[in-house]
Amino acid sequence: MRIFDSAVNRTTRTGRVLGPQHRLTPMQALKAMTIDAAYQHFEEASKGSLEVNKLADLVILDKNPLKVEPATIKDIQVMETIKAGKSLYKRD
């Protein structure tokens, strides 16, 4: 979530703003970390989006990063991580 937050808010951990003109919308940041990342690694046929015959690697979050105030994205918690159909992490 830190990378997602940095892409949207362009702030450092200390709160300093770096390159505000390069801020992404939450949807652009989500695409950059999923569909676009898979494309960049030539893996778009098997990764990057939830579709039939693609790997179901995903995270379940406690809030929707597309609907919260951008400043609160950094506070979103990962509730579960699933890779190759198996739960690797689950928050108690």
N, C-alpha and C. Protein backbone atom coordinates (compact mmCIF):
# COMPACT_ATOMS: atom_id res chain seq x y z
N MET A 1 0.83 -1.19 0.00
CA MET A 1 0.00 0.00 0.00
C MET A 1 0.87 1.25 0.00
N ARG A 2 2.08 1.13 0.50
CA ARG A 2 2.97 2.30 0.51
C ARG A 2 3.28 2.76 -0.91
N ILE A 3 3.53 1.83 -1.80
CA ILE A 3 3.82 2.19 -3.20
C ILE A 3 2.58 2.82 -3.83
N PHE A 4 1.43 2.24 -3.60
CA PHE A 4 0.17 2.78 -4.12
C PHE A 4 -0.03 4.21 -3.60
N ASP A 5 0.16 4.40 -2.30
CA ASP A 5 0.03 5.71 -1.68
C ASP A 5 1.02 6.71 -2.29
N SER A 6 2.24 6.28 -2.50
CA SER A 6 3.26 7.17 -3.06
C SER A 6 2.90 7.61 -4.48
N ALA A 7 2.35 6.70 -5.25
CA ALA A 7 1.96 7.03 -6.62
C ALA A 7 0.83 8.05 -6.66
N VAL A 8 -0.11 7.92 -5.73
CA VAL A 8 -1.27 8.82 -5.70
C VAL A 8 -0.94 10.15 -5.03
N ASN A 9 -0.28 10.10 -3.90
CA ASN A 9 -0.06 11.31 -3.10
C ASN A 9 1.30 11.96 -3.30
N ARG A 10 2.27 11.19 -3.80
CA ARG A 10 3.62 11.69 -4.05
C ARG A 10 4.27 12.26 -2.78
N THR A 11 4.02 11.59 -1.66
CA THR A 11 4.61 12.03 -0.40
C THR A 11 5.60 10.99 0.12
N THR A 12 6.61 11.47 0.80
CA THR A 12 7.57 10.58 1.45
C THR A 12 7.00 10.15 2.80
N ARG A 13 7.69 9.28 3.48
CA ARG A 13 7.24 8.84 4.81
C ARG A 13 7.22 9.99 5.81
N THR A 14 8.03 11.01 5.55
CA THR A 14 8.06 12.17 6.45
C THR A 14 7.04 13.23 6.05
N GLY A 15 6.29 12.98 4.98
CA GLY A 15 5.25 13.90 4.56
C GLY A 15 5.66 14.91 3.50
N ARG A 16 6.89 14.85 3.06
CA ARG A 16 7.37 15.76 2.02
C ARG A 16 6.77 15.38 0.67
N VAL A 17 6.30 16.35 -0.08
CA VAL A 17 5.72 16.11 -1.40
C VAL A 17 6.82 16.16 -2.45
N LEU A 18 6.90 15.10 -3.27
CA LEU A 18 7.88 15.03 -4.34
C LEU A 18 7.16 14.98 -5.68
N GLY A 19 7.39 15.96 -6.52
CA GLY A 19 6.82 15.95 -7.86
C GLY A 19 5.31 15.86 -7.89
N PRO A 20 4.60 16.80 -7.29
CA PRO A 20 3.14 16.72 -7.26
C PRO A 20 2.51 16.65 -8.66
N GLN A 21 3.21 17.16 -9.65
CA GLN A 21 2.68 17.11 -11.02
C GLN A 21 2.65 15.69 -11.58
N HIS A 22 3.28 14.75 -10.88
CA HIS A 22 3.32 13.36 -11.33
C HIS A 22 2.34 12.46 -10.59
N ARG A 23 1.46 13.06 -9.80
CA ARG A 23 0.47 12.26 -9.07
C ARG A 23 -0.42 11.50 -10.04
N LEU A 24 -0.76 10.26 -9.66
CA LEU A 24 -1.69 9.44 -10.42
C LEU A 24 -3.04 9.43 -9.71
N THR A 25 -4.09 9.16 -10.45
CA THR A 25 -5.37 8.92 -9.81
C THR A 25 -5.29 7.53 -9.16
N PRO A 26 -6.15 7.23 -8.20
CA PRO A 26 -6.13 5.87 -7.64
C PRO A 26 -6.31 4.78 -8.70
N MET A 27 -7.15 5.02 -9.70
CA MET A 27 -7.34 4.01 -10.75
C MET A 27 -6.06 3.84 -11.57
N GLN A 28 -5.39 4.92 -11.89
CA GLN A 28 -4.13 4.83 -12.63
C GLN A 28 -3.08 4.07 -11.82
N ALA A 29 -3.03 4.32 -10.51
CA ALA A 29 -2.08 3.62 -9.65
C ALA A 29 -2.39 2.13 -9.58
N LEU A 30 -3.68 1.80 -9.48
CA LEU A 30 -4.09 0.39 -9.46
C LEU A 30 -3.68 -0.32 -10.75
N LYS A 31 -3.95 0.32 -11.87
CA LYS A 31 -3.55 -0.27 -13.16
C LYS A 31 -2.04 -0.41 -13.27
N ALA A 32 -1.30 0.58 -12.78
CA ALA A 32 0.17 0.53 -12.85
C ALA A 32 0.72 -0.66 -12.07
N MET A 33 0.03 -1.03 -10.98
CA MET A 33 0.52 -2.12 -10.13
C MET A 33 -0.03 -3.49 -10.53
N THR A 34 -0.95 -3.52 -11.46
CA THR A 34 -1.57 -4.79 -11.84
C THR A 34 -1.42 -5.04 -13.35
N ILE A 35 -2.34 -4.55 -14.12
CA ILE A 35 -2.37 -4.80 -15.57
C ILE A 35 -1.10 -4.31 -16.25
N ASP A 36 -0.71 -3.07 -15.96
CA ASP A 36 0.47 -2.50 -16.62
C ASP A 36 1.76 -3.21 -16.21
N ALA A 37 1.86 -3.60 -14.94
CA ALA A 37 3.05 -4.32 -14.47
C ALA A 37 3.16 -5.68 -15.16
N ALA A 38 2.05 -6.38 -15.30
CA ALA A 38 2.07 -7.67 -15.99
C ALA A 38 2.50 -7.49 -17.45
N TYR A 39 1.99 -6.47 -18.09
CA TYR A 39 2.35 -6.19 -19.49
C TYR A 39 3.85 -5.90 -19.61
N GLN A 40 4.37 -5.11 -18.67
CA GLN A 40 5.78 -4.74 -18.70
C GLN A 40 6.69 -5.97 -18.60
N HIS A 41 6.21 -7.01 -17.92
CA HIS A 41 7.00 -8.24 -17.75
C HIS A 41 6.57 -9.34 -18.73
N PHE A 42 5.80 -8.97 -19.75
CA PHE A 42 5.32 -9.92 -20.76
C PHE A 42 4.52 -11.07 -20.14
N GLU A 43 3.77 -10.76 -19.06
CA GLU A 43 2.99 -11.78 -18.37
C GLU A 43 1.49 -11.48 -18.41
N GLU A 44 1.07 -10.60 -19.30
CA GLU A 44 -0.33 -10.20 -19.34
C GLU A 44 -1.28 -11.34 -19.70
N ALA A 45 -0.77 -12.42 -20.30
CA ALA A 45 -1.64 -13.56 -20.62
C ALA A 45 -2.00 -14.37 -19.38
N SER A 46 -1.19 -14.24 -18.32
CA SER A 46 -1.44 -15.05 -17.12
C SER A 46 -1.61 -14.23 -15.84
N LYS A 47 -1.33 -12.93 -15.89
CA LYS A 47 -1.38 -12.11 -14.68
C LYS A 47 -1.94 -10.73 -14.98
N GLY A 48 -2.20 -9.97 -13.93
CA GLY A 48 -2.53 -8.56 -14.07
C GLY A 48 -3.99 -8.21 -13.94
N SER A 49 -4.87 -9.16 -14.18
CA SER A 49 -6.30 -8.93 -14.04
C SER A 49 -6.98 -10.25 -13.70
N LEU A 50 -8.16 -10.15 -13.13
CA LEU A 50 -8.89 -11.37 -12.77
C LEU A 50 -9.76 -11.80 -13.95
N GLU A 51 -9.30 -12.84 -14.60
CA GLU A 51 -10.00 -13.37 -15.77
C GLU A 51 -9.84 -14.89 -15.78
N VAL A 52 -10.72 -15.55 -16.51
CA VAL A 52 -10.64 -17.00 -16.66
C VAL A 52 -9.29 -17.37 -17.26
N ASN A 53 -8.66 -18.39 -16.72
CA ASN A 53 -7.37 -18.93 -17.15
C ASN A 53 -6.17 -18.07 -16.75
N LYS A 54 -6.37 -17.08 -15.90
CA LYS A 54 -5.25 -16.31 -15.37
C LYS A 54 -5.04 -16.72 -13.91
N LEU A 55 -3.81 -16.51 -13.43
CA LEU A 55 -3.51 -16.80 -12.03
C LEU A 55 -4.32 -15.88 -11.13
N ALA A 56 -4.84 -16.42 -10.07
CA ALA A 56 -5.66 -15.63 -9.15
C ALA A 56 -4.81 -15.16 -7.97
N ASP A 57 -3.76 -14.39 -8.27
CA ASP A 57 -2.93 -13.81 -7.23
C ASP A 57 -3.54 -12.47 -6.87
N LEU A 58 -3.89 -12.30 -5.59
CA LEU A 58 -4.56 -11.06 -5.21
C LEU A 58 -4.43 -10.80 -3.72
N VAL A 59 -4.79 -9.58 -3.35
CA VAL A 59 -4.87 -9.21 -1.95
C VAL A 59 -6.30 -8.76 -1.65
N ILE A 60 -6.72 -9.00 -0.43
CA ILE A 60 -8.01 -8.51 0.04
C ILE A 60 -7.70 -7.40 1.03
N LEU A 61 -8.28 -6.23 0.78
CA LEU A 61 -8.01 -5.05 1.59
C LEU A 61 -9.20 -4.74 2.49
N ASP A 62 -8.96 -4.00 3.56
CA ASP A 62 -10.07 -3.65 4.45
C ASP A 62 -10.88 -2.45 3.94
N LYS A 63 -10.34 -1.72 2.97
CA LYS A 63 -11.06 -0.60 2.38
C LYS A 63 -10.76 -0.56 0.89
N ASN A 64 -11.64 0.05 0.14
CA ASN A 64 -11.47 0.18 -1.30
C ASN A 64 -10.60 1.41 -1.60
N PRO A 65 -9.39 1.24 -2.13
CA PRO A 65 -8.52 2.38 -2.39
C PRO A 65 -9.05 3.34 -3.45
N LEU A 66 -10.05 2.91 -4.18
CA LEU A 66 -10.64 3.79 -5.20
C LEU A 66 -11.72 4.69 -4.61
N LYS A 67 -12.13 4.40 -3.37
CA LYS A 67 -13.24 5.15 -2.78
C LYS A 67 -12.88 5.93 -1.52
N VAL A 68 -11.71 5.71 -0.96
CA VAL A 68 -11.32 6.44 0.25
C VAL A 68 -10.66 7.76 -0.13
N GLU A 69 -10.54 8.64 0.84
CA GLU A 69 -9.79 9.88 0.62
C GLU A 69 -8.34 9.49 0.31
N PRO A 70 -7.75 10.07 -0.73
CA PRO A 70 -6.38 9.70 -1.09
C PRO A 70 -5.39 9.76 0.06
N ALA A 71 -5.53 10.71 0.96
CA ALA A 71 -4.59 10.82 2.08
C ALA A 71 -4.65 9.63 3.03
N THR A 72 -5.72 8.83 2.97
CA THR A 72 -5.86 7.68 3.87
C THR A 72 -5.46 6.35 3.23
N ILE A 73 -5.04 6.37 1.99
CA ILE A 73 -4.64 5.13 1.30
C ILE A 73 -3.56 4.40 2.09
N LYS A 74 -2.62 5.15 2.66
CA LYS A 74 -1.52 4.53 3.40
C LYS A 74 -1.99 3.74 4.62
N ASP A 75 -3.20 4.01 5.09
CA ASP A 75 -3.74 3.34 6.27
C ASP A 75 -4.53 2.07 5.95
N ILE A 76 -4.72 1.79 4.68
CA ILE A 76 -5.48 0.59 4.29
C ILE A 76 -4.68 -0.65 4.69
N GLN A 77 -5.37 -1.60 5.28
CA GLN A 77 -4.74 -2.83 5.76
C GLN A 77 -4.96 -3.99 4.80
N VAL A 78 -3.93 -4.79 4.61
CA VAL A 78 -4.05 -6.02 3.84
C VAL A 78 -4.66 -7.06 4.76
N MET A 79 -5.79 -7.61 4.38
CA MET A 79 -6.48 -8.60 5.20
C MET A 79 -6.06 -10.03 4.84
N GLU A 80 -5.78 -10.24 3.55
CA GLU A 80 -5.38 -11.58 3.11
C GLU A 80 -4.61 -11.46 1.80
N THR A 81 -3.63 -12.35 1.64
CA THR A 81 -2.86 -12.45 0.40
C THR A 81 -3.06 -13.86 -0.15
N ILE A 82 -3.44 -13.93 -1.42
CA ILE A 82 -3.69 -15.22 -2.06
C ILE A 82 -2.80 -15.33 -3.29
N LYS A 83 -2.07 -16.44 -3.40
CA LYS A 83 -1.20 -16.68 -4.54
C LYS A 83 -1.42 -18.10 -5.02
N ALA A 84 -1.63 -18.23 -6.31
CA ALA A 84 -1.87 -19.54 -6.93
C ALA A 84 -3.02 -20.27 -6.22
N GLY A 85 -4.01 -19.51 -5.80
CA GLY A 85 -5.19 -20.09 -5.19
C GLY A 85 -5.05 -20.46 -3.72
N LYS A 86 -3.88 -20.18 -3.13
CA LYS A 86 -3.66 -20.53 -1.72
C LYS A 86 -3.45 -19.27 -0.89
N SER A 87 -4.05 -19.25 0.27
CA SER A 87 -3.90 -18.14 1.18
C SER A 87 -2.51 -18.21 1.82
N LEU A 88 -1.70 -17.16 1.61
CA LEU A 88 -0.36 -17.12 2.17
C LEU A 88 -0.31 -16.31 3.45
N TYR A 89 -1.24 -15.37 3.58
CA TYR A 89 -1.27 -14.50 4.77
C TYR A 89 -2.72 -14.16 5.04
N LYS A 90 -3.09 -14.20 6.31
CA LYS A 90 -4.42 -13.79 6.71
C LYS A 90 -4.32 -13.06 8.04
N ARG A 91 -4.79 -11.82 8.06
CA ARG A 91 -4.76 -11.00 9.28
C ARG A 91 -5.74 -11.59 10.28
N ASP A 92 -5.32 -11.67 11.52
CA ASP A 92 -6.19 -12.19 12.59
C ASP A 92 -7.28 -11.21 12.92
